[in-house]
Structures are given as structure tokens and as C-alpha cells.
Amino acid sequence: MMKRRTMRSRKYRVDIPFPTILALFLVCVTIFGLSYLLVCARCDTLGQEIKRLETVQKETYRLLNNEQDRWSSQLSPASLERALARHKLAMSLPSEHQIVRVRISAVDVGNALAYNP
């Protein structure tokens, strides 16, 4: 009698097969979609960071050029004369006997600067 019931219950039960391949495909598509969005967002963030750093670099180069121009103008002879006059300094070039020339021999290159008799 038990066998009849099980056969009867199986007969009225409807089995809908779960599409495993479809579910696996949807999971893969979802994973790839989310990873694509993650990579795209990271690329956008890195692009903005690169753009910001490029503007900082341009500003730094501009400041460097301004300082180099200012320094070269301060080193011109006319500017040096004005600075000497402003600080009330009377300077002239040294005479020949005041100039010390240092000659380094080819043999004694290592000790020439370290040893001063």
C-alpha cells in the first residue's frame, strides 16, 4: 500500500527543472558587470588624480621659471651694482697677488682637497 501512495504522489507532483546553466550564466554576467563598473570607477578616479597632478606640475614649472628669471636678473652686472650701492659697499676686483689658484695634480687627486698644509 505504501508503494501505491508514493507512485500516486509522484504522479501528481510537477517537477520544474531548475536551469542550472542559465543561473550560472546570470551569476557570471553579474560578476563581470560589477567588476567592469569597479574598474571603470577606479579609472575615472585615477584620471582625475592625474589631471590634478598635471595642473600642480604646470604651476610648479611656472613658479620655477619665474624664480629663474628673477635670479638671473639679480645676477646681472647692473643689478649687482645697484645692490652694492644700496648696501653702501665699496667692492672692487682683487689684485693679482690676492688671487689663490689651486692646482690638482693627476696623481694626487684624492688627497689634494683633504690635505691643506
PDB file of N, CA and C in Angstrom:
ATOM      1  N   MET A   1       0.807  -1.182   0.000  1.00  0.00           N
ATOM      2  CA  MET A   1       0.000   0.000   0.000  1.00  0.00           C
ATOM      3  C   MET A   1       0.862   1.264   0.000  1.00  0.00           C
ATOM      4  N   MET A   2       2.001   1.162   0.616  1.00  0.00           N
ATOM      5  CA  MET A   2       2.899   2.307   0.642  1.00  0.00           C
ATOM      6  C   MET A   2       3.414   2.635  -0.743  1.00  0.00           C
ATOM      7  N   LYS A   3       3.606   1.601  -1.511  1.00  0.00           N
ATOM      8  CA  LYS A   3       4.126   1.846  -2.848  1.00  0.00           C
ATOM      9  C   LYS A   3       3.116   2.597  -3.694  1.00  0.00           C
ATOM     10  N   ARG A   4       1.861   2.317  -3.525  1.00  0.00           N
ATOM     11  CA  ARG A   4       0.839   2.990  -4.312  1.00  0.00           C
ATOM     12  C   ARG A   4       0.803   4.472  -3.992  1.00  0.00           C
ATOM     13  N   ARG A   5       0.925   4.826  -2.731  1.00  0.00           N
ATOM     14  CA  ARG A   5       0.888   6.243  -2.352  1.00  0.00           C
ATOM     15  C   ARG A   5       2.060   7.007  -2.953  1.00  0.00           C
ATOM     16  N   THR A   6       3.213   6.413  -2.878  1.00  0.00           N
ATOM     17  CA  THR A   6       4.371   7.103  -3.427  1.00  0.00           C
ATOM     18  C   THR A   6       4.239   7.239  -4.930  1.00  0.00           C
ATOM     19  N   MET A   7       3.719   6.274  -5.561  1.00  0.00           N
ATOM     20  CA  MET A   7       3.540   6.378  -7.002  1.00  0.00           C
ATOM     21  C   MET A   7       2.492   7.423  -7.323  1.00  0.00           C
ATOM     22  N   ARG A   8       1.440   7.477  -6.526  1.00  0.00           N
ATOM     23  CA  ARG A   8       0.398   8.447  -6.759  1.00  0.00           C
ATOM     24  C   ARG A   8       0.903   9.871  -6.510  1.00  0.00           C
ATOM     25  N   SER A   9       1.674  10.066  -5.446  1.00  0.00           N
ATOM     26  CA  SER A   9       2.155  11.401  -5.134  1.00  0.00           C
ATOM     27  C   SER A   9       3.170  11.858  -6.180  1.00  0.00           C
ATOM     28  N   ARG A  10       3.940  10.941  -6.701  1.00  0.00           N
ATOM     29  CA  ARG A  10       4.866  11.299  -7.769  1.00  0.00           C
ATOM     30  C   ARG A  10       4.113  11.658  -9.039  1.00  0.00           C
ATOM     31  N   LYS A  11       3.023  11.051  -9.214  1.00  0.00           N
ATOM     32  CA  LYS A  11       2.259  11.273 -10.426  1.00  0.00           C
ATOM     33  C   LYS A  11       1.677  12.682 -10.459  1.00  0.00           C
ATOM     34  N   TYR A  12       1.231  13.173  -9.344  1.00  0.00           N
ATOM     35  CA  TYR A  12       0.616  14.488  -9.308  1.00  0.00           C
ATOM     36  C   TYR A  12       1.624  15.621  -9.083  1.00  0.00           C
ATOM     37  N   ARG A  13       2.824  15.286  -8.726  1.00  0.00           N
ATOM     38  CA  ARG A  13       3.848  16.312  -8.482  1.00  0.00           C
ATOM     39  C   ARG A  13       4.452  16.737  -9.814  1.00  0.00           C
ATOM     40  N   VAL A  14       4.544  18.051  -9.986  1.00  0.00           N
ATOM     41  CA  VAL A  14       5.112  18.593 -11.222  1.00  0.00           C
ATOM     42  C   VAL A  14       6.535  19.038 -10.923  1.00  0.00           C
ATOM     43  N   ASP A  15       7.508  18.497 -11.609  1.00  0.00           N
ATOM     44  CA  ASP A  15       8.914  18.873 -11.433  1.00  0.00           C
ATOM     45  C   ASP A  15       9.298  19.876 -12.510  1.00  0.00           C
ATOM     46  N   ILE A  16       9.673  21.036 -12.022  1.00  0.00           N
ATOM     47  CA  ILE A  16      10.190  22.050 -12.955  1.00  0.00           C
ATOM     48  C   ILE A  16      11.701  22.034 -12.788  1.00  0.00           C
ATOM     49  N   PRO A  17      12.421  21.648 -13.798  1.00  0.00           N
ATOM     50  CA  PRO A  17      13.873  21.577 -13.653  1.00  0.00           C
ATOM     51  C   PRO A  17      14.467  22.985 -13.557  1.00  0.00           C
ATOM     52  N   PHE A  18      15.319  23.163 -12.583  1.00  0.00           N
ATOM     53  CA  PHE A  18      15.963  24.471 -12.403  1.00  0.00           C
ATOM     54  C   PHE A  18      17.060  24.612 -13.452  1.00  0.00           C
ATOM     55  N   PRO A  19      17.019  25.662 -14.216  1.00  0.00           N
ATOM     56  CA  PRO A  19      18.024  25.823 -15.283  1.00  0.00           C
ATOM     57  C   PRO A  19      19.380  26.235 -14.698  1.00  0.00           C
ATOM     58  N   THR A  20      20.166  25.263 -14.392  1.00  0.00           N
ATOM     59  CA  THR A  20      21.457  25.491 -13.754  1.00  0.00           C
ATOM     60  C   THR A  20      22.391  26.294 -14.662  1.00  0.00           C
ATOM     61  N   ILE A  21      22.367  25.981 -15.919  1.00  0.00           N
ATOM     62  CA  ILE A  21      23.247  26.688 -16.854  1.00  0.00           C
ATOM     63  C   ILE A  21      22.848  28.159 -16.946  1.00  0.00           C
ATOM     64  N   LEU A  22      21.545  28.424 -16.962  1.00  0.00           N
ATOM     65  CA  LEU A  22      21.069  29.808 -17.016  1.00  0.00           C
ATOM     66  C   LEU A  22      21.456  30.563 -15.741  1.00  0.00           C
ATOM     67  N   ALA A  23      21.304  29.930 -14.605  1.00  0.00           N
ATOM     68  CA  ALA A  23      21.666  30.574 -13.336  1.00  0.00           C
ATOM     69  C   ALA A  23      23.162  30.854 -13.293  1.00  0.00           C
ATOM     70  N   LEU A  24      23.976  29.919 -13.737  1.00  0.00           N
ATOM     71  CA  LEU A  24      25.415  30.111 -13.770  1.00  0.00           C
ATOM     72  C   LEU A  24      25.792  31.242 -14.723  1.00  0.00           C
ATOM     73  N   PHE A  25      25.123  31.293 -15.850  1.00  0.00           N
ATOM     74  CA  PHE A  25      25.365  32.366 -16.810  1.00  0.00           C
ATOM     75  C   PHE A  25      25.000  33.727 -16.215  1.00  0.00           C
ATOM     76  N   LEU A  26      23.873  33.831 -15.532  1.00  0.00           N
ATOM     77  CA  LEU A  26      23.455  35.095 -14.917  1.00  0.00           C
ATOM     78  C   LEU A  26      24.414  35.520 -13.807  1.00  0.00           C
ATOM     79  N   VAL A  27      24.910  34.577 -13.034  1.00  0.00           N
ATOM     80  CA  VAL A  27      25.877  34.900 -11.986  1.00  0.00           C
ATOM     81  C   VAL A  27      27.165  35.427 -12.612  1.00  0.00           C
ATOM     82  N   CYS A  28      27.628  34.775 -13.674  1.00  0.00           N
ATOM     83  CA  CYS A  28      28.848  35.227 -14.354  1.00  0.00           C
ATOM     84  C   CYS A  28      28.668  36.614 -14.950  1.00  0.00           C
ATOM     85  N   VAL A  29      27.538  36.858 -15.591  1.00  0.00           N
ATOM     86  CA  VAL A  29      27.264  38.176 -16.184  1.00  0.00           C
ATOM     87  C   VAL A  29      27.219  39.242 -15.087  1.00  0.00           C
ATOM     88  N   THR A  30      26.614  38.926 -13.963  1.00  0.00           N
ATOM     89  CA  THR A  30      26.547  39.880 -12.859  1.00  0.00           C
ATOM     90  C   THR A  30      27.935  40.177 -12.305  1.00  0.00           C
ATOM     91  N   ILE A  31      28.738  39.156 -12.142  1.00  0.00           N
ATOM     92  CA  ILE A  31      30.102  39.358 -11.639  1.00  0.00           C
ATOM     93  C   ILE A  31      30.912  40.191 -12.613  1.00  0.00           C
ATOM     94  N   PHE A  32      30.832  39.871 -13.901  1.00  0.00           N
ATOM     95  CA  PHE A  32      31.565  40.660 -14.889  1.00  0.00           C
ATOM     96  C   PHE A  32      31.069  42.103 -14.952  1.00  0.00           C
ATOM     97  N   GLY A  33      29.778  42.294 -14.830  1.00  0.00           N
ATOM     98  CA  GLY A  33      29.219  43.653 -14.844  1.00  0.00           C
ATOM     99  C   GLY A  33      29.687  44.478 -13.657  1.00  0.00           C
ATOM    100  N   LEU A  34      29.669  43.882 -12.487  1.00  0.00           N
ATOM    101  CA  LEU A  34      30.126  44.603 -11.302  1.00  0.00           C
ATOM    102  C   LEU A  34      31.620  44.886 -11.350  1.00  0.00           C
ATOM    103  N   SER A  35      32.391  43.924 -11.839  1.00  0.00           N
ATOM    104  CA  SER A  35      33.831  44.173 -11.953  1.00  0.00           C
ATOM    105  C   SER A  35      34.116  45.253 -12.989  1.00  0.00           C
ATOM    106  N   TYR A  36      33.347  45.296 -14.076  1.00  0.00           N
ATOM    107  CA  TYR A  36      33.505  46.353 -15.070  1.00  0.00           C
ATOM    108  C   TYR A  36      33.209  47.721 -14.459  1.00  0.00           C
ATOM    109  N   LEU A  37      32.140  47.819 -13.685  1.00  0.00           N
ATOM    110  CA  LEU A  37      31.811  49.079 -13.035  1.00  0.00           C
ATOM    111  C   LEU A  37      32.892  49.495 -12.043  1.00  0.00           C
ATOM    112  N   LEU A  38      33.448  48.547 -11.319  1.00  0.00           N
ATOM    113  CA  LEU A  38      34.512  48.831 -10.363  1.00  0.00           C
ATOM    114  C   LEU A  38      35.756  49.350 -11.079  1.00  0.00           C
ATOM    115  N   VAL A  39      36.145  48.685 -12.149  1.00  0.00           N
ATOM    116  CA  VAL A  39      37.330  49.106 -12.907  1.00  0.00           C
ATOM    117  C   VAL A  39      37.095  50.473 -13.557  1.00  0.00           C
ATOM    118  N   CYS A  40      35.920  50.687 -14.070  1.00  0.00           N
ATOM    119  CA  CYS A  40      35.598  51.967 -14.709  1.00  0.00           C
ATOM    120  C   CYS A  40      35.635  53.106 -13.685  1.00  0.00           C
ATOM    121  N   ALA A  41      35.086  52.889 -12.519  1.00  0.00           N
ATOM    122  CA  ALA A  41      35.110  53.917 -11.482  1.00  0.00           C
ATOM    123  C   ALA A  41      36.535  54.192 -11.024  1.00  0.00           C
ATOM    124  N   ARG A  42      37.341  53.150 -10.907  1.00  0.00           N
ATOM    125  CA  ARG A  42      38.747  53.329 -10.493  1.00  0.00           C
ATOM    126  C   ARG A  42      39.525  54.094 -11.555  1.00  0.00           C
ATOM    127  N   CYS A  43      39.267  53.795 -12.821  1.00  0.00           N
ATOM    128  CA  CYS A  43      39.943  54.517 -13.913  1.00  0.00           C
ATOM    129  C   CYS A  43      39.552  55.995 -13.911  1.00  0.00           C
ATOM    130  N   ASP A  44      38.295  56.286 -13.670  1.00  0.00           N
ATOM    131  CA  ASP A  44      37.861  57.682 -13.605  1.00  0.00           C
ATOM    132  C   ASP A  44      38.541  58.411 -12.449  1.00  0.00           C
ATOM    133  N   THR A  45      38.642  57.750 -11.308  1.00  0.00           N
ATOM    134  CA  THR A  45      39.305  58.357 -10.153  1.00  0.00           C
ATOM    135  C   THR A  45      40.781  58.612 -10.439  1.00  0.00           C
ATOM    136  N   LEU A  46      41.448  57.644 -11.049  1.00  0.00           N
ATOM    137  CA  LEU A  46      42.857  57.821 -11.391  1.00  0.00           C
ATOM    138  C   LEU A  46      43.046  58.910 -12.444  1.00  0.00           C
ATOM    139  N   GLY A  47      42.122  59.010 -13.387  1.00  0.00           N
ATOM    140  CA  GLY A  47      42.192  60.064 -14.393  1.00  0.00           C
ATOM    141  C   GLY A  47      42.078  61.452 -13.775  1.00  0.00           C
ATOM    142  N   GLN A  48      41.179  61.605 -12.822  1.00  0.00           N
ATOM    143  CA  GLN A  48      41.040  62.886 -12.142  1.00  0.00           C
ATOM    144  C   GLN A  48      42.289  63.207 -11.327  1.00  0.00           C
ATOM    145  N   GLU A  49      42.874  62.200 -10.686  1.00  0.00           N
ATOM    146  CA  GLU A  49      44.094  62.411  -9.906  1.00  0.00           C
ATOM    147  C   GLU A  49      45.262  62.808 -10.808  1.00  0.00           C
ATOM    148  N   ILE A  50      45.364  62.177 -11.974  1.00  0.00           N
ATOM    149  CA  ILE A  50      46.418  62.529 -12.931  1.00  0.00           C
ATOM    150  C   ILE A  50      46.230  63.959 -13.416  1.00  0.00           C
ATOM    151  N   LYS A  51      45.002  64.335 -13.694  1.00  0.00           N
ATOM    152  CA  LYS A  51      44.723  65.693 -14.160  1.00  0.00           C
ATOM    153  C   LYS A  51      45.102  66.723 -13.090  1.00  0.00           C
ATOM    154  N   ARG A  52      44.784  66.432 -11.831  1.00  0.00           N
ATOM    155  CA  ARG A  52      45.125  67.346 -10.745  1.00  0.00           C
ATOM    156  C   ARG A  52      46.639  67.468 -10.593  1.00  0.00           C
ATOM    157  N   LEU A  53      47.328  66.338 -10.675  1.00  0.00           N
ATOM    158  CA  LEU A  53      48.784  66.365 -10.547  1.00  0.00           C
ATOM    159  C   LEU A  53      49.442  67.081 -11.723  1.00  0.00           C
ATOM    160  N   GLU A  54      48.863  66.985 -12.915  1.00  0.00           N
ATOM    161  CA  GLU A  54      49.409  67.711 -14.065  1.00  0.00           C
ATOM    162  C   GLU A  54      49.253  69.219 -13.895  1.00  0.00           C
ATOM    163  N   THR A  55      48.142  69.653 -13.319  1.00  0.00           N
ATOM    164  CA  THR A  55      47.985  71.090 -13.088  1.00  0.00           C
ATOM    165  C   THR A  55      48.956  71.569 -12.012  1.00  0.00           C
ATOM    166  N   VAL A  56      49.184  70.746 -10.996  1.00  0.00           N
ATOM    167  CA  VAL A  56      50.174  71.101  -9.971  1.00  0.00           C
ATOM    168  C   VAL A  56      51.567  71.180 -10.597  1.00  0.00           C
ATOM    169  N   GLN A  57      51.884  70.249 -11.488  1.00  0.00           N
ATOM    170  CA  GLN A  57      53.192  70.259 -12.147  1.00  0.00           C
ATOM    171  C   GLN A  57      53.355  71.503 -13.017  1.00  0.00           C
ATOM    172  N   LYS A  58      52.319  71.880 -13.755  1.00  0.00           N
ATOM    173  CA  LYS A  58      52.398  73.081 -14.592  1.00  0.00           C
ATOM    174  C   LYS A  58      52.603  74.330 -13.731  1.00  0.00           C
ATOM    175  N   GLU A  59      51.896  74.396 -12.613  1.00  0.00           N
ATOM    176  CA  GLU A  59      52.041  75.539 -11.713  1.00  0.00           C
ATOM    177  C   GLU A  59      53.454  75.592 -11.124  1.00  0.00           C
ATOM    178  N   THR A  60      53.991  74.435 -10.776  1.00  0.00           N
ATOM    179  CA  THR A  60      55.343  74.381 -10.229  1.00  0.00           C
ATOM    180  C   THR A  60      56.369  74.803 -11.268  1.00  0.00           C
ATOM    181  N   TYR A  61      56.213  74.352 -12.515  1.00  0.00           N
ATOM    182  CA  TYR A  61      57.128  74.780 -13.580  1.00  0.00           C
ATOM    183  C   TYR A  61      57.036  76.283 -13.824  1.00  0.00           C
ATOM    184  N   ARG A  62      55.820  76.807 -13.735  1.00  0.00           N
ATOM    185  CA  ARG A  62      55.653  78.249 -13.922  1.00  0.00           C
ATOM    186  C   ARG A  62      56.373  79.017 -12.810  1.00  0.00           C
ATOM    187  N   LEU A  63      56.210  78.567 -11.570  1.00  0.00           N
ATOM    188  CA  LEU A  63      56.911  79.211 -10.457  1.00  0.00           C
ATOM    189  C   LEU A  63      58.429  79.070 -10.586  1.00  0.00           C
ATOM    190  N   LEU A  64      58.889  77.918 -11.044  1.00  0.00           N
ATOM    191  CA  LEU A  64      60.319  77.703 -11.255  1.00  0.00           C
ATOM    192  C   LEU A  64      60.868  78.668 -12.304  1.00  0.00           C
ATOM    193  N   ASN A  65      60.157  78.824 -13.399  1.00  0.00           N
ATOM    194  CA  ASN A  65      60.595  79.756 -14.445  1.00  0.00           C
ATOM    195  C   ASN A  65      60.618  81.194 -13.938  1.00  0.00           C
ATOM    196  N   ASN A  66      59.618  81.561 -13.139  1.00  0.00           N
ATOM    197  CA  ASN A  66      59.598  82.918 -12.581  1.00  0.00           C
ATOM    198  C   ASN A  66      60.796  83.151 -11.663  1.00  0.00           C
ATOM    199  N   GLU A  67      61.108  82.175 -10.810  1.00  0.00           N
ATOM    200  CA  GLU A  67      62.242  82.310  -9.904  1.00  0.00           C
ATOM    201  C   GLU A  67      63.569  82.332 -10.659  1.00  0.00           C
ATOM    202  N   GLN A  68      63.685  81.516 -11.706  1.00  0.00           N
ATOM    203  CA  GLN A  68      64.913  81.526 -12.504  1.00  0.00           C
ATOM    204  C   GLN A  68      65.100  82.866 -13.212  1.00  0.00           C
ATOM    205  N   ASP A  69      64.025  83.428 -13.725  1.00  0.00           N
ATOM    206  CA  ASP A  69      64.117  84.746 -14.359  1.00  0.00           C
ATOM    207  C   ASP A  69      64.504  85.814 -13.335  1.00  0.00           C
ATOM    208  N   ARG A  70      63.889  85.748 -12.169  1.00  0.00           N
ATOM    209  CA  ARG A  70      64.212  86.728 -11.136  1.00  0.00           C
ATOM    210  C   ARG A  70      65.668  86.598 -10.682  1.00  0.00           C
ATOM    211  N   TRP A  71      66.135  85.371 -10.519  1.00  0.00           N
ATOM    212  CA  TRP A  71      67.512  85.142 -10.093  1.00  0.00           C
ATOM    213  C   TRP A  71      68.498  85.609 -11.156  1.00  0.00           C
ATOM    214  N   SER A  72      68.213  85.314 -12.411  1.00  0.00           N
ATOM    215  CA  SER A  72      69.138  85.741 -13.468  1.00  0.00           C
ATOM    216  C   SER A  72      69.152  87.265 -13.600  1.00  0.00           C
ATOM    217  N   SER A  73      68.020  87.906 -13.356  1.00  0.00           N
ATOM    218  CA  SER A  73      68.019  89.375 -13.413  1.00  0.00           C
ATOM    219  C   SER A  73      68.768  89.970 -12.217  1.00  0.00           C
ATOM    220  N   GLN A  74      68.754  89.301 -11.070  1.00  0.00           N
ATOM    221  CA  GLN A  74      69.501  89.795  -9.913  1.00  0.00           C
ATOM    222  C   GLN A  74      71.005  89.591 -10.070  1.00  0.00           C
ATOM    223  N   LEU A  75      71.412  88.651 -10.897  1.00  0.00           N
ATOM    224  CA  LEU A  75      72.828  88.396 -11.117  1.00  0.00           C
ATOM    225  C   LEU A  75      73.427  89.230 -12.248  1.00  0.00           C
ATOM    226  N   SER A  76      72.637  90.042 -12.879  1.00  0.00           N
ATOM    227  CA  SER A  76      73.177  90.878 -13.948  1.00  0.00           C
ATOM    228  C   SER A  76      74.096  91.942 -13.336  1.00  0.00           C
ATOM    229  N   PRO A  77      75.094  92.408 -14.088  1.00  0.00           N
ATOM    230  CA  PRO A  77      76.035  93.397 -13.539  1.00  0.00           C
ATOM    231  C   PRO A  77      75.352  94.682 -13.060  1.00  0.00           C
ATOM    232  N   ALA A  78      74.377  95.165 -13.782  1.00  0.00           N
ATOM    233  CA  ALA A  78      73.695  96.394 -13.366  1.00  0.00           C
ATOM    234  C   ALA A  78      72.958  96.185 -12.039  1.00  0.00           C
ATOM    235  N   SER A  79      72.330  95.030 -11.888  1.00  0.00           N
ATOM    236  CA  SER A  79      71.612  94.733 -10.647  1.00  0.00           C
ATOM    237  C   SER A  79      72.581  94.582  -9.484  1.00  0.00           C
ATOM    238  N   LEU A  80      73.725  93.963  -9.727  1.00  0.00           N
ATOM    239  CA  LEU A  80      74.725  93.832  -8.667  1.00  0.00           C
ATOM    240  C   LEU A  80      75.259  95.200  -8.244  1.00  0.00           C
ATOM    241  N   GLU A  81      75.478  96.085  -9.204  1.00  0.00           N
ATOM    242  CA  GLU A  81      75.945  97.442  -8.879  1.00  0.00           C
ATOM    243  C   GLU A  81      74.903  98.185  -8.037  1.00  0.00           C
ATOM    244  N   ARG A  82      73.633  98.042  -8.378  1.00  0.00           N
ATOM    245  CA  ARG A  82      72.560  98.685  -7.607  1.00  0.00           C
ATOM    246  C   ARG A  82      72.517  98.133  -6.190  1.00  0.00           C
ATOM    247  N   ALA A  83      72.684  96.793  -6.036  1.00  0.00           N
ATOM    248  CA  ALA A  83      72.661  96.186  -4.706  1.00  0.00           C
ATOM    249  C   ALA A  83      73.847  96.660  -3.872  1.00  0.00           C
ATOM    250  N   LEU A  84      75.022  96.782  -4.509  1.00  0.00           N
ATOM    251  CA  LEU A  84      76.196  97.282  -3.785  1.00  0.00           C
ATOM    252  C   LEU A  84      75.986  98.721  -3.341  1.00  0.00           C
ATOM    253  N   ALA A  85      75.411  99.538  -4.211  1.00  0.00           N
ATOM    254  CA  ALA A  85      75.165 100.935  -3.852  1.00  0.00           C
ATOM    255  C   ALA A  85      74.101 101.038  -2.758  1.00  0.00           C
ATOM    256  N   ARG A  86      73.089 100.192  -2.815  1.00  0.00           N
ATOM    257  CA  ARG A  86      72.021 100.224  -1.823  1.00  0.00           C
ATOM    258  C   ARG A  86      72.555  99.843  -0.438  1.00  0.00           C
ATOM    259  N   HIS A  87      73.466  98.896  -0.373  1.00  0.00           N
ATOM    260  CA  HIS A  87      74.035  98.479   0.906  1.00  0.00           C
ATOM    261  C   HIS A  87      75.297  99.254   1.273  1.00  0.00           C
ATOM    262  N   LYS A  88      75.648 100.224   0.447  1.00  0.00           N
ATOM    263  CA  LYS A  88      76.802 101.098   0.671  1.00  0.00           C
ATOM    264  C   LYS A  88      78.092 100.286   0.853  1.00  0.00           C
ATOM    265  N   LEU A  89      78.324  99.385  -0.081  1.00  0.00           N
ATOM    266  CA  LEU A  89      79.526  98.566  -0.083  1.00  0.00           C
ATOM    267  C   LEU A  89      80.438  99.022  -1.209  1.00  0.00           C
ATOM    268  N   ALA A  90      81.697  99.204  -0.908  1.00  0.00           N
ATOM    269  CA  ALA A  90      82.671  99.576  -1.926  1.00  0.00           C
ATOM    270  C   ALA A  90      83.495  98.334  -2.219  1.00  0.00           C
ATOM    271  N   MET A  91      83.172  97.664  -3.280  1.00  0.00           N
ATOM    272  CA  MET A  91      83.891  96.442  -3.634  1.00  0.00           C
ATOM    273  C   MET A  91      84.569  96.616  -4.974  1.00  0.00           C
ATOM    274  N   SER A  92      85.708  95.991  -5.113  1.00  0.00           N
ATOM    275  CA  SER A  92      86.424  96.003  -6.386  1.00  0.00           C
ATOM    276  C   SER A  92      86.980  94.612  -6.622  1.00  0.00           C
ATOM    277  N   LEU A  93      87.462  94.376  -7.813  1.00  0.00           N
ATOM    278  CA  LEU A  93      88.036  93.076  -8.134  1.00  0.00           C
ATOM    279  C   LEU A  93      89.364  92.919  -7.411  1.00  0.00           C
ATOM    280  N   PRO A  94      89.746  91.725  -7.010  1.00  0.00           N
ATOM    281  CA  PRO A  94      91.011  91.530  -6.294  1.00  0.00           C
ATOM    282  C   PRO A  94      92.200  91.706  -7.242  1.00  0.00           C
ATOM    283  N   SER A  95      93.324  92.111  -6.670  1.00  0.00           N
ATOM    284  CA  SER A  95      94.535  92.240  -7.481  1.00  0.00           C
ATOM    285  C   SER A  95      95.123  90.851  -7.718  1.00  0.00           C
ATOM    286  N   GLU A  96      96.128  90.803  -8.573  1.00  0.00           N
ATOM    287  CA  GLU A  96      96.700  89.514  -8.968  1.00  0.00           C
ATOM    288  C   GLU A  96      97.336  88.778  -7.788  1.00  0.00           C
ATOM    289  N   HIS A  97      97.968  89.490  -6.882  1.00  0.00           N
ATOM    290  CA  HIS A  97      98.627  88.818  -5.771  1.00  0.00           C
ATOM    291  C   HIS A  97      97.637  88.349  -4.690  1.00  0.00           C
ATOM    292  N   GLN A  98      96.378  88.771  -4.752  1.00  0.00           N
ATOM    293  CA  GLN A  98      95.364  88.331  -3.795  1.00  0.00           C
ATOM    294  C   GLN A  98      94.642  87.060  -4.253  1.00  0.00           C
ATOM    295  N   ILE A  99      94.843  86.670  -5.488  1.00  0.00           N
ATOM    296  CA  ILE A  99      94.148  85.508  -6.038  1.00  0.00           C
ATOM    297  C   ILE A  99      94.944  84.253  -5.720  1.00  0.00           C
ATOM    298  N   VAL A 100      94.290  83.260  -5.190  1.00  0.00           N
ATOM    299  CA  VAL A 100      94.923  81.977  -4.885  1.00  0.00           C
ATOM    300  C   VAL A 100      94.427  80.957  -5.892  1.00  0.00           C
ATOM    301  N   ARG A 101      95.351  80.351  -6.599  1.00  0.00           N
ATOM    302  CA  ARG A 101      94.988  79.335  -7.590  1.00  0.00           C
ATOM    303  C   ARG A 101      95.318  77.959  -7.013  1.00  0.00           C
ATOM    304  N   VAL A 102      94.384  77.067  -7.108  1.00  0.00           N
ATOM    305  CA  VAL A 102      94.573  75.709  -6.596  1.00  0.00           C
ATOM    306  C   VAL A 102      94.705  74.784  -7.791  1.00  0.00           C
ATOM    307  N   ARG A 103      95.824  74.095  -7.851  1.00  0.00           N
ATOM    308  CA  ARG A 103      96.057  73.149  -8.945  1.00  0.00           C
ATOM    309  C   ARG A 103      96.018  71.740  -8.348  1.00  0.00           C
ATOM    310  N   ILE A 104      95.312  70.856  -9.009  1.00  0.00           N
ATOM    311  CA  ILE A 104      95.207  69.477  -8.564  1.00  0.00           C
ATOM    312  C   ILE A 104      96.033  68.631  -9.520  1.00  0.00           C
ATOM    313  N   SER A 105      96.995  67.913  -8.982  1.00  0.00           N
ATOM    314  CA  SER A 105      97.807  67.056  -9.835  1.00  0.00           C
ATOM    315  C   SER A 105      97.018  65.798 -10.175  1.00  0.00           C
ATOM    316  N   ALA A 106      97.372  65.174 -11.280  1.00  0.00           N
ATOM    317  CA  ALA A 106      96.671  63.980 -11.731  1.00  0.00           C
ATOM    318  C   ALA A 106      96.935  62.791 -10.821  1.00  0.00           C
ATOM    319  N   VAL A 107      98.091  62.767 -10.144  1.00  0.00           N
ATOM    320  CA  VAL A 107      98.452  61.642  -9.288  1.00  0.00           C
ATOM    321  C   VAL A 107      97.754  61.733  -7.944  1.00  0.00           C
ATOM    322  N   ASP A 108      97.683  62.909  -7.386  1.00  0.00           N
ATOM    323  CA  ASP A 108      97.222  63.100  -6.007  1.00  0.00           C
ATOM    324  C   ASP A 108      95.837  63.745  -5.965  1.00  0.00           C
ATOM    325  N   VAL A 109      94.900  63.209  -6.708  1.00  0.00           N
ATOM    326  CA  VAL A 109      93.548  63.796  -6.770  1.00  0.00           C
ATOM    327  C   VAL A 109      92.796  63.601  -5.468  1.00  0.00           C
ATOM    328  N   GLY A 110      92.908  62.454  -4.831  1.00  0.00           N
ATOM    329  CA  GLY A 110      92.172  62.181  -3.599  1.00  0.00           C
ATOM    330  C   GLY A 110      92.618  62.997  -2.417  1.00  0.00           C
ATOM    331  N   ASN A 111      93.915  63.288  -2.286  1.00  0.00           N
ATOM    332  CA  ASN A 111      94.428  63.993  -1.125  1.00  0.00           C
ATOM    333  C   ASN A 111      94.541  65.489  -1.332  1.00  0.00           C
ATOM    334  N   ALA A 112      94.344  65.983  -2.529  1.00  0.00           N
ATOM    335  CA  ALA A 112      94.563  67.388  -2.805  1.00  0.00           C
ATOM    336  C   ALA A 112      93.575  68.268  -2.050  1.00  0.00           C
ATOM    337  N   LEU A 113      92.340  67.850  -1.949  1.00  0.00           N
ATOM    338  CA  LEU A 113      91.339  68.677  -1.277  1.00  0.00           C
ATOM    339  C   LEU A 113      91.297  68.395   0.225  1.00  0.00           C
ATOM    340  N   ALA A 114      91.712  67.203   0.646  1.00  0.00           N
ATOM    341  CA  ALA A 114      91.631  66.856   2.050  1.00  0.00           C
ATOM    342  C   ALA A 114      92.811  67.384   2.841  1.00  0.00           C
ATOM    343  N   TYR A 115      93.960  67.497   2.225  1.00  0.00           N
ATOM    344  CA  TYR A 115      95.179  67.913   2.934  1.00  0.00           C
ATOM    345  C   TYR A 115      95.490  69.351   2.589  1.00  0.00           C
ATOM    346  N   ASN A 116      95.569  70.219   3.587  1.00  0.00           N
ATOM    347  CA  ASN A 116      95.876  71.628   3.369  1.00  0.00           C
ATOM    348  C   ASN A 116      97.018  72.020   4.303  1.00  0.00           C
ATOM    349  N   PRO A 117      98.305  72.078   3.805  1.00  0.00           N
ATOM    350  CA  PRO A 117      99.434  72.362   4.711  1.00  0.00           C
ATOM    351  C   PRO A 117      99.466  73.807   5.167  1.00  0.00           C
TER     352      PRO A 117
END
